[in-house]
Amino acid sequence: MKKKRAFLAIAITALILTVILISLEAYYVAIALIVGTLIIGYRELWSLLRTKRMPPVDERIRENLSKSVRNGFIFFIIASAFLMLPFSVFLIEKPDTVHVLGGLFLAGGTVYLLSYLFYDRAEPRLGEKGLKMMKIFLLMAGISVAIFIISVFLHNAIGGLFSIEEPVFFCIAVFVAPLTFTVGIIGSLVIFLKGLFSKAL
C-alpha cells in the first residue's frame, strides 16, 4: 500500500509540474518530464496495468533500484556541471534553458533505465572478465571527458595569456578525447548488450 501511495505521489507531482511547464510554454521540458517519469516508473506502471498491483520488491530489486537511482542522479549532476562550464566549446552561444533541461531529464531517465537493466539482467550473466572489460571501457570514457575539459581549459588559457594559437591541446580536445570517448562507449555498449541478450549462467 505504501509503495502504491509513493508511486501515485510521484505521478501526481509529475502531472502538476507538467501542467505548470505547459502553462509556461516550456513544452519540450514537459514532454521530457513525462517521458522521463514513464521510463523511471515503467515497471510499476506496467504491473498496475496488467495486474492492478504493484510489482513485488525483494532485496535484490531494491538494491538494483537504489543503484540505478544513484547512477541517474550522479549523471544528472555531472552533466549539469559540464553544461555550465563557461569554457566549453559547445557553449559558444547562450544555451536554451528549456532544451538543456529537457535533454537532462531524458538523459537522466535513460541512464536510470540502462542501469537497472544492467544490474537486473546483464551483470548476473557477465563473467568476471566481462565485468572487468566493461569497467575499463567506462573508465576510458570517463577519463576522456576529463581530458577534454582540461584540454579546452588549457588551450583557452594559453591562447588568452600569450595571444597565440595553441595546437597541441586543441588537437587533444577535438580528436583524441572524442575518439577515446567513442571507443569507451561503444565497447561498454557491446559488452552490455552481450550480457543483456546472452543466456543466464
N, C-alpha and C. Protein backbone atom coordinates (compact mmCIF):
# COMPACT_ATOMS: atom_id res chain seq x y z
N MET A 1 0.82 -1.20 0.00
CA MET A 1 0.00 0.00 0.00
C MET A 1 0.86 1.26 0.00
N LYS A 2 1.93 1.22 0.82
CA LYS A 2 2.83 2.37 0.88
C LYS A 2 3.51 2.60 -0.47
N LYS A 3 3.88 1.51 -1.14
CA LYS A 3 4.53 1.64 -2.44
C LYS A 3 3.59 2.26 -3.47
N LYS A 4 2.32 1.84 -3.43
CA LYS A 4 1.35 2.40 -4.36
C LYS A 4 1.14 3.89 -4.09
N ARG A 5 1.07 4.26 -2.82
CA ARG A 5 0.90 5.68 -2.48
C ARG A 5 2.10 6.50 -2.94
N ALA A 6 3.29 5.95 -2.73
CA ALA A 6 4.50 6.67 -3.16
C ALA A 6 4.52 6.84 -4.67
N PHE A 7 4.14 5.77 -5.39
CA PHE A 7 4.10 5.86 -6.84
C PHE A 7 3.07 6.88 -7.32
N LEU A 8 1.89 6.88 -6.68
CA LEU A 8 0.85 7.85 -7.04
C LEU A 8 1.30 9.27 -6.73
N ALA A 9 2.02 9.45 -5.61
CA ALA A 9 2.51 10.78 -5.24
C ALA A 9 3.49 11.30 -6.30
N ILE A 10 4.38 10.41 -6.76
CA ILE A 10 5.34 10.80 -7.80
C ILE A 10 4.61 11.14 -9.09
N ALA A 11 3.61 10.32 -9.44
CA ALA A 11 2.86 10.56 -10.67
C ALA A 11 2.08 11.88 -10.61
N ILE A 12 1.46 12.15 -9.46
CA ILE A 12 0.70 13.40 -9.32
C ILE A 12 1.63 14.60 -9.36
N THR A 13 2.80 14.48 -8.70
CA THR A 13 3.78 15.58 -8.72
C THR A 13 4.26 15.85 -10.14
N ALA A 14 4.55 14.77 -10.88
CA ALA A 14 4.98 14.94 -12.27
C ALA A 14 3.88 15.57 -13.11
N LEU A 15 2.61 15.19 -12.84
CA LEU A 15 1.48 15.77 -13.58
C LEU A 15 1.35 17.26 -13.30
N ILE A 16 1.47 17.65 -12.03
CA ILE A 16 1.38 19.06 -11.66
C ILE A 16 2.50 19.87 -12.31
N LEU A 17 3.73 19.33 -12.24
CA LEU A 17 4.86 20.00 -12.87
C LEU A 17 4.66 20.13 -14.37
N THR A 18 4.08 19.09 -14.98
CA THR A 18 3.84 19.13 -16.42
C THR A 18 2.85 20.24 -16.78
N VAL A 19 1.78 20.36 -15.98
CA VAL A 19 0.79 21.42 -16.22
C VAL A 19 1.43 22.79 -16.09
N ILE A 20 2.28 22.95 -15.06
CA ILE A 20 2.98 24.24 -14.86
C ILE A 20 3.89 24.55 -16.04
N LEU A 21 4.64 23.54 -16.49
CA LEU A 21 5.55 23.74 -17.62
C LEU A 21 4.80 24.08 -18.91
N ILE A 22 3.65 23.43 -19.11
CA ILE A 22 2.85 23.73 -20.29
C ILE A 22 2.31 25.15 -20.22
N SER A 23 1.88 25.59 -19.02
CA SER A 23 1.39 26.95 -18.88
C SER A 23 2.49 27.98 -19.13
N LEU A 24 3.74 27.58 -18.87
CA LEU A 24 4.88 28.46 -19.14
C LEU A 24 5.39 28.30 -20.57
N GLU A 25 4.70 27.47 -21.35
CA GLU A 25 5.06 27.20 -22.74
C GLU A 25 6.42 26.51 -22.86
N ALA A 26 6.81 25.80 -21.82
CA ALA A 26 8.05 25.01 -21.87
C ALA A 26 7.67 23.59 -22.29
N TYR A 27 7.21 23.45 -23.52
CA TYR A 27 6.66 22.18 -23.98
C TYR A 27 7.72 21.08 -24.04
N TYR A 28 8.92 21.45 -24.46
CA TYR A 28 9.99 20.46 -24.59
C TYR A 28 10.32 19.83 -23.24
N VAL A 29 10.42 20.67 -22.21
CA VAL A 29 10.71 20.16 -20.87
C VAL A 29 9.55 19.32 -20.35
N ALA A 30 8.31 19.74 -20.65
CA ALA A 30 7.14 18.99 -20.20
C ALA A 30 7.13 17.59 -20.81
N ILE A 31 7.41 17.51 -22.11
CA ILE A 31 7.46 16.20 -22.78
C ILE A 31 8.58 15.35 -22.20
N ALA A 32 9.74 15.98 -21.98
CA ALA A 32 10.88 15.25 -21.42
C ALA A 32 10.57 14.75 -20.02
N LEU A 33 9.86 15.56 -19.22
CA LEU A 33 9.50 15.16 -17.86
C LEU A 33 8.55 13.96 -17.88
N ILE A 34 7.57 14.00 -18.79
CA ILE A 34 6.63 12.89 -18.90
C ILE A 34 7.35 11.60 -19.32
N VAL A 35 8.19 11.72 -20.36
CA VAL A 35 8.92 10.55 -20.85
C VAL A 35 9.86 10.01 -19.77
N GLY A 36 10.57 10.93 -19.09
CA GLY A 36 11.48 10.50 -18.02
C GLY A 36 10.75 9.80 -16.89
N THR A 37 9.57 10.32 -16.51
CA THR A 37 8.78 9.68 -15.45
C THR A 37 8.31 8.30 -15.87
N LEU A 38 7.88 8.17 -17.15
CA LEU A 38 7.45 6.86 -17.65
C LEU A 38 8.60 5.87 -17.69
N ILE A 39 9.79 6.37 -18.06
CA ILE A 39 10.96 5.48 -18.09
C ILE A 39 11.30 4.99 -16.69
N ILE A 40 11.28 5.90 -15.73
CA ILE A 40 11.65 5.53 -14.36
C ILE A 40 10.59 4.61 -13.72
N GLY A 41 9.32 4.88 -14.01
CA GLY A 41 8.25 4.11 -13.37
C GLY A 41 7.61 3.07 -14.26
N TYR A 42 8.33 2.66 -15.33
CA TYR A 42 7.72 1.73 -16.29
C TYR A 42 7.37 0.40 -15.64
N ARG A 43 8.20 -0.05 -14.72
CA ARG A 43 7.98 -1.35 -14.08
C ARG A 43 6.69 -1.34 -13.26
N GLU A 44 6.52 -0.30 -12.46
CA GLU A 44 5.33 -0.18 -11.63
C GLU A 44 4.08 0.05 -12.48
N LEU A 45 4.21 0.91 -13.49
CA LEU A 45 3.06 1.22 -14.34
C LEU A 45 2.60 -0.02 -15.12
N TRP A 46 3.54 -0.77 -15.65
CA TRP A 46 3.20 -1.98 -16.40
C TRP A 46 2.51 -3.01 -15.51
N SER A 47 2.99 -3.14 -14.28
CA SER A 47 2.38 -4.09 -13.35
C SER A 47 0.98 -3.65 -12.94
N LEU A 48 0.78 -2.34 -12.73
CA LEU A 48 -0.54 -1.84 -12.37
C LEU A 48 -1.54 -2.03 -13.51
N LEU A 49 -1.11 -1.84 -14.75
CA LEU A 49 -2.00 -2.01 -15.88
C LEU A 49 -2.36 -3.48 -16.09
N ARG A 50 -1.43 -4.38 -15.82
CA ARG A 50 -1.66 -5.81 -16.07
C ARG A 50 -2.38 -6.49 -14.92
N THR A 51 -1.92 -6.25 -13.69
CA THR A 51 -2.44 -6.99 -12.54
C THR A 51 -3.15 -6.11 -11.51
N LYS A 52 -3.10 -4.78 -11.73
CA LYS A 52 -3.67 -3.82 -10.77
C LYS A 52 -2.99 -3.90 -9.41
N ARG A 53 -1.76 -4.37 -9.42
CA ARG A 53 -0.97 -4.46 -8.19
C ARG A 53 0.43 -3.93 -8.45
N MET A 54 1.06 -3.46 -7.38
CA MET A 54 2.45 -3.05 -7.50
C MET A 54 3.33 -4.28 -7.63
N PRO A 55 4.41 -4.20 -8.39
CA PRO A 55 5.29 -5.37 -8.54
C PRO A 55 5.99 -5.69 -7.23
N PRO A 56 6.27 -6.97 -7.01
CA PRO A 56 6.99 -7.34 -5.78
C PRO A 56 8.40 -6.77 -5.76
N VAL A 57 8.85 -6.37 -4.59
CA VAL A 57 10.18 -5.79 -4.45
C VAL A 57 10.93 -6.57 -3.38
N ASP A 58 11.89 -7.40 -3.83
CA ASP A 58 12.72 -8.12 -2.87
C ASP A 58 14.01 -7.34 -2.64
N GLU A 59 14.90 -7.92 -1.88
CA GLU A 59 16.14 -7.22 -1.53
C GLU A 59 16.99 -6.93 -2.76
N ARG A 60 17.02 -7.88 -3.70
CA ARG A 60 17.83 -7.69 -4.91
C ARG A 60 17.29 -6.55 -5.77
N ILE A 61 15.98 -6.53 -5.95
CA ILE A 61 15.37 -5.47 -6.76
C ILE A 61 15.53 -4.12 -6.08
N ARG A 62 15.37 -4.09 -4.76
CA ARG A 62 15.54 -2.83 -4.03
C ARG A 62 16.97 -2.30 -4.20
N GLU A 63 17.95 -3.20 -4.15
CA GLU A 63 19.34 -2.79 -4.33
C GLU A 63 19.58 -2.30 -5.76
N ASN A 64 18.99 -2.99 -6.74
CA ASN A 64 19.14 -2.57 -8.13
C ASN A 64 18.52 -1.19 -8.36
N LEU A 65 17.34 -0.97 -7.80
CA LEU A 65 16.68 0.33 -7.93
C LEU A 65 17.51 1.43 -7.29
N SER A 66 18.07 1.14 -6.12
CA SER A 66 18.88 2.13 -5.41
C SER A 66 20.11 2.50 -6.22
N LYS A 67 20.79 1.50 -6.78
CA LYS A 67 21.97 1.77 -7.60
C LYS A 67 21.61 2.55 -8.86
N SER A 68 20.47 2.21 -9.46
CA SER A 68 20.06 2.88 -10.69
C SER A 68 19.72 4.35 -10.44
N VAL A 69 19.00 4.61 -9.34
CA VAL A 69 18.69 6.00 -8.98
C VAL A 69 19.98 6.78 -8.71
N ARG A 70 20.92 6.14 -8.03
CA ARG A 70 22.21 6.79 -7.75
C ARG A 70 22.93 7.14 -9.04
N ASN A 71 22.97 6.21 -9.99
CA ASN A 71 23.65 6.47 -11.26
C ASN A 71 22.98 7.60 -12.03
N GLY A 72 21.65 7.59 -12.06
CA GLY A 72 20.93 8.65 -12.76
C GLY A 72 21.16 10.02 -12.14
N PHE A 73 21.19 10.05 -10.80
CA PHE A 73 21.42 11.32 -10.10
C PHE A 73 22.84 11.83 -10.33
N ILE A 74 23.82 10.94 -10.24
CA ILE A 74 25.22 11.34 -10.47
C ILE A 74 25.39 11.86 -11.89
N PHE A 75 24.80 11.16 -12.85
CA PHE A 75 24.89 11.62 -14.24
C PHE A 75 24.27 13.00 -14.39
N PHE A 76 23.11 13.21 -13.77
CA PHE A 76 22.41 14.50 -13.87
C PHE A 76 23.29 15.62 -13.32
N ILE A 77 23.93 15.39 -12.17
CA ILE A 77 24.78 16.41 -11.55
C ILE A 77 26.00 16.70 -12.42
N ILE A 78 26.67 15.63 -12.89
CA ILE A 78 27.88 15.82 -13.71
C ILE A 78 27.54 16.51 -15.02
N ALA A 79 26.45 16.08 -15.66
CA ALA A 79 26.05 16.69 -16.92
C ALA A 79 25.68 18.16 -16.73
N SER A 80 24.99 18.47 -15.62
CA SER A 80 24.64 19.86 -15.34
C SER A 80 25.88 20.71 -15.14
N ALA A 81 26.84 20.18 -14.38
CA ALA A 81 28.08 20.93 -14.14
C ALA A 81 28.86 21.12 -15.43
N PHE A 82 28.88 20.10 -16.27
CA PHE A 82 29.60 20.19 -17.53
C PHE A 82 28.99 21.24 -18.45
N LEU A 83 27.66 21.29 -18.50
CA LEU A 83 26.99 22.25 -19.37
C LEU A 83 27.13 23.68 -18.87
N MET A 84 27.43 23.85 -17.59
CA MET A 84 27.60 25.19 -17.04
C MET A 84 29.02 25.71 -17.15
N LEU A 85 29.94 24.86 -17.64
CA LEU A 85 31.31 25.31 -17.77
C LEU A 85 31.42 26.45 -18.77
N PRO A 86 31.94 27.58 -18.38
CA PRO A 86 31.98 28.73 -19.30
C PRO A 86 32.95 28.55 -20.45
N PHE A 87 33.90 27.59 -20.32
CA PHE A 87 34.89 27.45 -21.37
C PHE A 87 34.59 26.28 -22.30
N SER A 88 33.40 25.68 -22.16
CA SER A 88 33.04 24.57 -23.03
C SER A 88 32.88 25.06 -24.47
N VAL A 89 33.44 24.31 -25.41
CA VAL A 89 33.35 24.73 -26.80
C VAL A 89 31.93 24.62 -27.34
N PHE A 90 31.08 23.89 -26.63
CA PHE A 90 29.71 23.74 -27.08
C PHE A 90 28.84 24.93 -26.68
N LEU A 91 29.35 25.79 -25.82
CA LEU A 91 28.57 26.91 -25.33
C LEU A 91 29.03 28.21 -25.96
N ILE A 92 29.20 28.19 -27.28
CA ILE A 92 29.60 29.41 -27.99
C ILE A 92 28.51 30.46 -27.87
N GLU A 93 27.26 30.02 -27.97
CA GLU A 93 26.13 30.90 -27.78
C GLU A 93 25.41 30.49 -26.50
N LYS A 94 24.63 31.40 -25.96
CA LYS A 94 23.90 31.11 -24.74
C LYS A 94 22.91 29.99 -25.00
N PRO A 95 22.97 28.90 -24.23
CA PRO A 95 22.09 27.76 -24.50
C PRO A 95 20.64 28.05 -24.14
N ASP A 96 19.74 27.36 -24.80
CA ASP A 96 18.32 27.46 -24.49
C ASP A 96 18.05 26.62 -23.24
N THR A 97 17.67 27.27 -22.15
CA THR A 97 17.47 26.57 -20.88
C THR A 97 16.43 25.47 -21.00
N VAL A 98 15.38 25.72 -21.77
CA VAL A 98 14.31 24.74 -21.94
C VAL A 98 14.85 23.47 -22.57
N HIS A 99 15.63 23.60 -23.63
CA HIS A 99 16.18 22.43 -24.31
C HIS A 99 17.21 21.71 -23.44
N VAL A 100 18.01 22.48 -22.69
CA VAL A 100 19.01 21.86 -21.81
C VAL A 100 18.34 21.02 -20.74
N LEU A 101 17.31 21.58 -20.07
CA LEU A 101 16.60 20.85 -19.02
C LEU A 101 15.90 19.62 -19.59
N GLY A 102 15.28 19.78 -20.75
CA GLY A 102 14.62 18.65 -21.38
C GLY A 102 15.59 17.53 -21.70
N GLY A 103 16.75 17.89 -22.25
CA GLY A 103 17.77 16.89 -22.55
C GLY A 103 18.30 16.20 -21.31
N LEU A 104 18.46 16.97 -20.22
CA LEU A 104 18.94 16.39 -18.97
C LEU A 104 17.93 15.41 -18.39
N PHE A 105 16.64 15.76 -18.42
CA PHE A 105 15.61 14.85 -17.92
C PHE A 105 15.61 13.54 -18.69
N LEU A 106 15.64 13.65 -20.02
CA LEU A 106 15.63 12.44 -20.85
C LEU A 106 16.88 11.61 -20.64
N ALA A 107 18.03 12.27 -20.61
CA ALA A 107 19.30 11.55 -20.44
C ALA A 107 19.37 10.88 -19.07
N GLY A 108 18.94 11.60 -18.02
CA GLY A 108 18.95 11.02 -16.69
C GLY A 108 18.04 9.81 -16.58
N GLY A 109 16.85 9.89 -17.19
CA GLY A 109 15.95 8.75 -17.20
C GLY A 109 16.51 7.57 -17.96
N THR A 110 17.19 7.86 -19.07
CA THR A 110 17.80 6.79 -19.87
C THR A 110 18.92 6.10 -19.10
N VAL A 111 19.74 6.89 -18.39
CA VAL A 111 20.81 6.31 -17.58
C VAL A 111 20.22 5.42 -16.49
N TYR A 112 19.12 5.88 -15.88
CA TYR A 112 18.45 5.06 -14.86
C TYR A 112 17.99 3.73 -15.45
N LEU A 113 17.32 3.80 -16.61
CA LEU A 113 16.79 2.59 -17.23
C LEU A 113 17.90 1.62 -17.61
N LEU A 114 18.95 2.14 -18.25
CA LEU A 114 20.07 1.28 -18.64
C LEU A 114 20.76 0.68 -17.43
N SER A 115 20.87 1.47 -16.36
CA SER A 115 21.49 0.96 -15.13
C SER A 115 20.67 -0.18 -14.54
N TYR A 116 19.36 0.00 -14.52
CA TYR A 116 18.51 -1.05 -13.95
C TYR A 116 18.60 -2.33 -14.79
N LEU A 117 18.56 -2.17 -16.12
CA LEU A 117 18.69 -3.35 -16.98
C LEU A 117 20.03 -4.04 -16.78
N PHE A 118 21.07 -3.24 -16.55
CA PHE A 118 22.39 -3.82 -16.35
C PHE A 118 22.44 -4.61 -15.04
N TYR A 119 22.03 -3.99 -13.94
CA TYR A 119 22.09 -4.67 -12.64
C TYR A 119 21.12 -5.86 -12.57
N ASP A 120 19.98 -5.74 -13.25
CA ASP A 120 18.96 -6.78 -13.14
C ASP A 120 19.22 -7.96 -14.07
N ARG A 121 19.71 -7.69 -15.29
CA ARG A 121 19.85 -8.77 -16.27
C ARG A 121 21.26 -9.00 -16.77
N ALA A 122 21.99 -7.89 -17.08
CA ALA A 122 23.29 -8.06 -17.72
C ALA A 122 24.37 -8.51 -16.74
N GLU A 123 24.45 -7.85 -15.59
CA GLU A 123 25.54 -8.15 -14.65
C GLU A 123 25.56 -9.61 -14.20
N PRO A 124 24.40 -10.22 -13.86
CA PRO A 124 24.45 -11.64 -13.45
C PRO A 124 24.91 -12.58 -14.55
N ARG A 125 24.80 -12.16 -15.82
CA ARG A 125 25.15 -13.03 -16.94
C ARG A 125 26.56 -12.81 -17.45
N LEU A 126 27.17 -11.73 -17.04
CA LEU A 126 28.55 -11.46 -17.46
C LEU A 126 29.51 -12.11 -16.46
N GLY A 127 30.54 -12.69 -16.98
CA GLY A 127 31.55 -13.26 -16.10
C GLY A 127 32.45 -12.18 -15.54
N GLU A 128 33.40 -12.58 -14.73
CA GLU A 128 34.34 -11.63 -14.12
C GLU A 128 35.14 -10.89 -15.19
N LYS A 129 35.51 -11.60 -16.26
CA LYS A 129 36.27 -10.97 -17.33
C LYS A 129 35.45 -9.91 -18.05
N GLY A 130 34.16 -10.22 -18.31
CA GLY A 130 33.29 -9.27 -18.98
C GLY A 130 33.08 -8.01 -18.16
N LEU A 131 32.86 -8.18 -16.85
CA LEU A 131 32.67 -7.01 -15.98
C LEU A 131 33.93 -6.17 -15.91
N LYS A 132 35.09 -6.83 -15.88
CA LYS A 132 36.35 -6.11 -15.83
C LYS A 132 36.56 -5.30 -17.11
N MET A 133 36.28 -5.89 -18.27
CA MET A 133 36.42 -5.19 -19.54
C MET A 133 35.46 -4.00 -19.63
N MET A 134 34.26 -4.19 -19.13
CA MET A 134 33.28 -3.10 -19.17
C MET A 134 33.73 -1.94 -18.30
N LYS A 135 34.28 -2.24 -17.14
CA LYS A 135 34.79 -1.18 -16.26
C LYS A 135 35.93 -0.42 -16.94
N ILE A 136 36.78 -1.14 -17.66
CA ILE A 136 37.89 -0.50 -18.37
C ILE A 136 37.36 0.46 -19.44
N PHE A 137 36.36 0.01 -20.22
CA PHE A 137 35.79 0.87 -21.26
C PHE A 137 35.10 2.09 -20.66
N LEU A 138 34.36 1.90 -19.56
CA LEU A 138 33.71 3.03 -18.90
C LEU A 138 34.73 4.00 -18.33
N LEU A 139 35.83 3.45 -17.80
CA LEU A 139 36.90 4.30 -17.29
C LEU A 139 37.53 5.11 -18.42
N MET A 140 37.69 4.49 -19.58
CA MET A 140 38.21 5.21 -20.75
C MET A 140 37.30 6.39 -21.11
N ALA A 141 35.99 6.14 -21.11
CA ALA A 141 35.04 7.20 -21.45
C ALA A 141 35.10 8.33 -20.43
N GLY A 142 35.16 7.97 -19.13
CA GLY A 142 35.23 8.99 -18.09
C GLY A 142 36.50 9.81 -18.15
N ILE A 143 37.63 9.14 -18.37
CA ILE A 143 38.92 9.85 -18.46
C ILE A 143 38.94 10.75 -19.67
N SER A 144 38.34 10.32 -20.78
CA SER A 144 38.32 11.15 -21.99
C SER A 144 37.56 12.45 -21.76
N VAL A 145 36.48 12.39 -20.97
CA VAL A 145 35.73 13.62 -20.66
C VAL A 145 36.60 14.58 -19.85
N ALA A 146 37.32 14.03 -18.85
CA ALA A 146 38.21 14.86 -18.04
C ALA A 146 39.32 15.46 -18.90
N ILE A 147 39.88 14.65 -19.79
CA ILE A 147 40.94 15.14 -20.69
C ILE A 147 40.41 16.25 -21.59
N PHE A 148 39.19 16.07 -22.08
CA PHE A 148 38.57 17.09 -22.94
C PHE A 148 38.44 18.42 -22.20
N ILE A 149 37.91 18.37 -20.98
CA ILE A 149 37.71 19.59 -20.20
C ILE A 149 39.04 20.28 -19.91
N ILE A 150 40.02 19.50 -19.48
CA ILE A 150 41.33 20.07 -19.15
C ILE A 150 42.00 20.66 -20.40
N SER A 151 41.88 19.95 -21.52
CA SER A 151 42.50 20.41 -22.76
C SER A 151 41.88 21.72 -23.25
N VAL A 152 40.55 21.80 -23.18
CA VAL A 152 39.88 23.04 -23.60
C VAL A 152 40.29 24.20 -22.70
N PHE A 153 40.35 23.93 -21.40
CA PHE A 153 40.74 24.98 -20.46
C PHE A 153 42.17 25.45 -20.72
N LEU A 154 43.10 24.50 -20.90
CA LEU A 154 44.49 24.87 -21.14
C LEU A 154 44.66 25.56 -22.49
N HIS A 155 43.93 25.09 -23.49
CA HIS A 155 44.01 25.73 -24.81
C HIS A 155 43.56 27.19 -24.72
N ASN A 156 42.44 27.43 -24.07
CA ASN A 156 41.94 28.80 -23.94
C ASN A 156 42.83 29.65 -23.04
N ALA A 157 43.34 29.03 -21.97
CA ALA A 157 44.20 29.78 -21.04
C ALA A 157 45.50 30.20 -21.72
N ILE A 158 46.14 29.27 -22.42
CA ILE A 158 47.41 29.58 -23.10
C ILE A 158 47.18 30.60 -24.21
N GLY A 159 46.10 30.40 -24.97
CA GLY A 159 45.80 31.35 -26.04
C GLY A 159 45.50 32.74 -25.51
N GLY A 160 44.81 32.81 -24.35
CA GLY A 160 44.49 34.11 -23.77
C GLY A 160 45.69 34.81 -23.15
N LEU A 161 46.55 34.03 -22.51
CA LEU A 161 47.71 34.62 -21.83
C LEU A 161 48.79 35.07 -22.81
N PHE A 162 49.04 34.24 -23.83
CA PHE A 162 50.16 34.52 -24.73
C PHE A 162 49.72 34.98 -26.12
N SER A 163 48.42 35.06 -26.34
CA SER A 163 47.88 35.51 -27.64
C SER A 163 48.45 34.72 -28.82
N ILE A 164 48.46 33.39 -28.65
CA ILE A 164 48.95 32.52 -29.72
C ILE A 164 47.93 31.41 -29.98
N GLU A 165 48.04 30.79 -31.14
CA GLU A 165 47.20 29.65 -31.46
C GLU A 165 47.87 28.38 -30.94
N GLU A 166 47.31 27.81 -29.88
CA GLU A 166 47.90 26.64 -29.24
C GLU A 166 47.35 25.37 -29.90
N PRO A 167 48.21 24.58 -30.62
CA PRO A 167 47.69 23.45 -31.40
C PRO A 167 47.58 22.12 -30.65
N VAL A 168 48.45 21.89 -29.65
CA VAL A 168 48.52 20.57 -29.02
C VAL A 168 47.23 20.24 -28.27
N PHE A 169 46.85 21.09 -27.32
CA PHE A 169 45.65 20.83 -26.53
C PHE A 169 44.39 20.92 -27.38
N PHE A 170 44.44 21.74 -28.45
CA PHE A 170 43.32 21.83 -29.37
C PHE A 170 43.09 20.48 -30.05
N CYS A 171 44.16 19.85 -30.54
CA CYS A 171 44.05 18.54 -31.19
C CYS A 171 43.58 17.46 -30.22
N ILE A 172 44.08 17.56 -28.99
CA ILE A 172 43.64 16.58 -27.98
C ILE A 172 42.14 16.71 -27.72
N ALA A 173 41.67 17.96 -27.60
CA ALA A 173 40.25 18.20 -27.31
C ALA A 173 39.35 17.83 -28.48
N VAL A 174 39.83 18.07 -29.70
CA VAL A 174 38.98 17.87 -30.88
C VAL A 174 39.06 16.44 -31.42
N PHE A 175 40.23 15.79 -31.31
CA PHE A 175 40.40 14.48 -31.92
C PHE A 175 40.60 13.34 -30.91
N VAL A 176 41.58 13.49 -30.02
CA VAL A 176 41.96 12.39 -29.12
C VAL A 176 40.84 12.07 -28.12
N ALA A 177 40.37 13.09 -27.41
CA ALA A 177 39.34 12.86 -26.38
C ALA A 177 38.04 12.30 -26.97
N PRO A 178 37.50 12.89 -28.06
CA PRO A 178 36.27 12.31 -28.63
C PRO A 178 36.45 10.87 -29.13
N LEU A 179 37.62 10.58 -29.73
CA LEU A 179 37.87 9.22 -30.22
C LEU A 179 37.92 8.23 -29.05
N THR A 180 38.62 8.61 -27.98
CA THR A 180 38.70 7.74 -26.80
C THR A 180 37.33 7.54 -26.18
N PHE A 181 36.54 8.62 -26.12
CA PHE A 181 35.19 8.53 -25.57
C PHE A 181 34.33 7.59 -26.40
N THR A 182 34.43 7.69 -27.72
CA THR A 182 33.65 6.84 -28.62
C THR A 182 34.00 5.38 -28.44
N VAL A 183 35.30 5.09 -28.36
CA VAL A 183 35.75 3.70 -28.16
C VAL A 183 35.23 3.16 -26.83
N GLY A 184 35.32 4.00 -25.78
CA GLY A 184 34.86 3.57 -24.46
C GLY A 184 33.37 3.29 -24.43
N ILE A 185 32.58 4.17 -25.05
CA ILE A 185 31.13 3.99 -25.05
C ILE A 185 30.71 2.78 -25.88
N ILE A 186 31.30 2.65 -27.08
CA ILE A 186 30.94 1.52 -27.95
C ILE A 186 31.33 0.20 -27.30
N GLY A 187 32.54 0.15 -26.71
CA GLY A 187 32.97 -1.07 -26.03
C GLY A 187 32.05 -1.43 -24.88
N SER A 188 31.65 -0.43 -24.09
CA SER A 188 30.74 -0.67 -22.97
C SER A 188 29.39 -1.18 -23.45
N LEU A 189 28.86 -0.57 -24.52
CA LEU A 189 27.56 -0.99 -25.04
C LEU A 189 27.60 -2.41 -25.60
N VAL A 190 28.70 -2.75 -26.26
CA VAL A 190 28.82 -4.11 -26.81
C VAL A 190 28.78 -5.15 -25.69
N ILE A 191 29.54 -4.91 -24.62
CA ILE A 191 29.56 -5.84 -23.50
C ILE A 191 28.21 -5.86 -22.80
N PHE A 192 27.59 -4.68 -22.65
CA PHE A 192 26.27 -4.58 -22.02
C PHE A 192 25.24 -5.40 -22.79
N LEU A 193 25.21 -5.23 -24.11
CA LEU A 193 24.24 -5.97 -24.94
C LEU A 193 24.53 -7.47 -24.92
N LYS A 194 25.81 -7.81 -24.88
CA LYS A 194 26.19 -9.21 -24.81
C LYS A 194 25.64 -9.85 -23.54
N GLY A 195 25.79 -9.14 -22.42
CA GLY A 195 25.25 -9.66 -21.16
C GLY A 195 23.74 -9.65 -21.13
N LEU A 196 23.12 -8.64 -21.78
CA LEU A 196 21.68 -8.49 -21.76
C LEU A 196 20.97 -9.62 -22.52
N PHE A 197 21.57 -10.02 -23.65
CA PHE A 197 20.89 -10.99 -24.51
C PHE A 197 21.50 -12.39 -24.46
N SER A 198 22.52 -12.56 -23.65
CA SER A 198 23.09 -13.90 -23.52
C SER A 198 22.25 -14.75 -22.59
N LYS A 199 22.46 -16.05 -22.62
CA LYS A 199 21.74 -16.95 -21.75
C LYS A 199 22.20 -16.80 -20.32
N ALA A 200 21.28 -16.98 -19.39
CA ALA A 200 21.62 -16.86 -17.98
C ALA A 200 22.61 -17.95 -17.58
N LEU A 201 23.54 -17.54 -16.69
CA LEU A 201 24.54 -18.51 -16.26
C LEU A 201 23.90 -19.57 -15.34
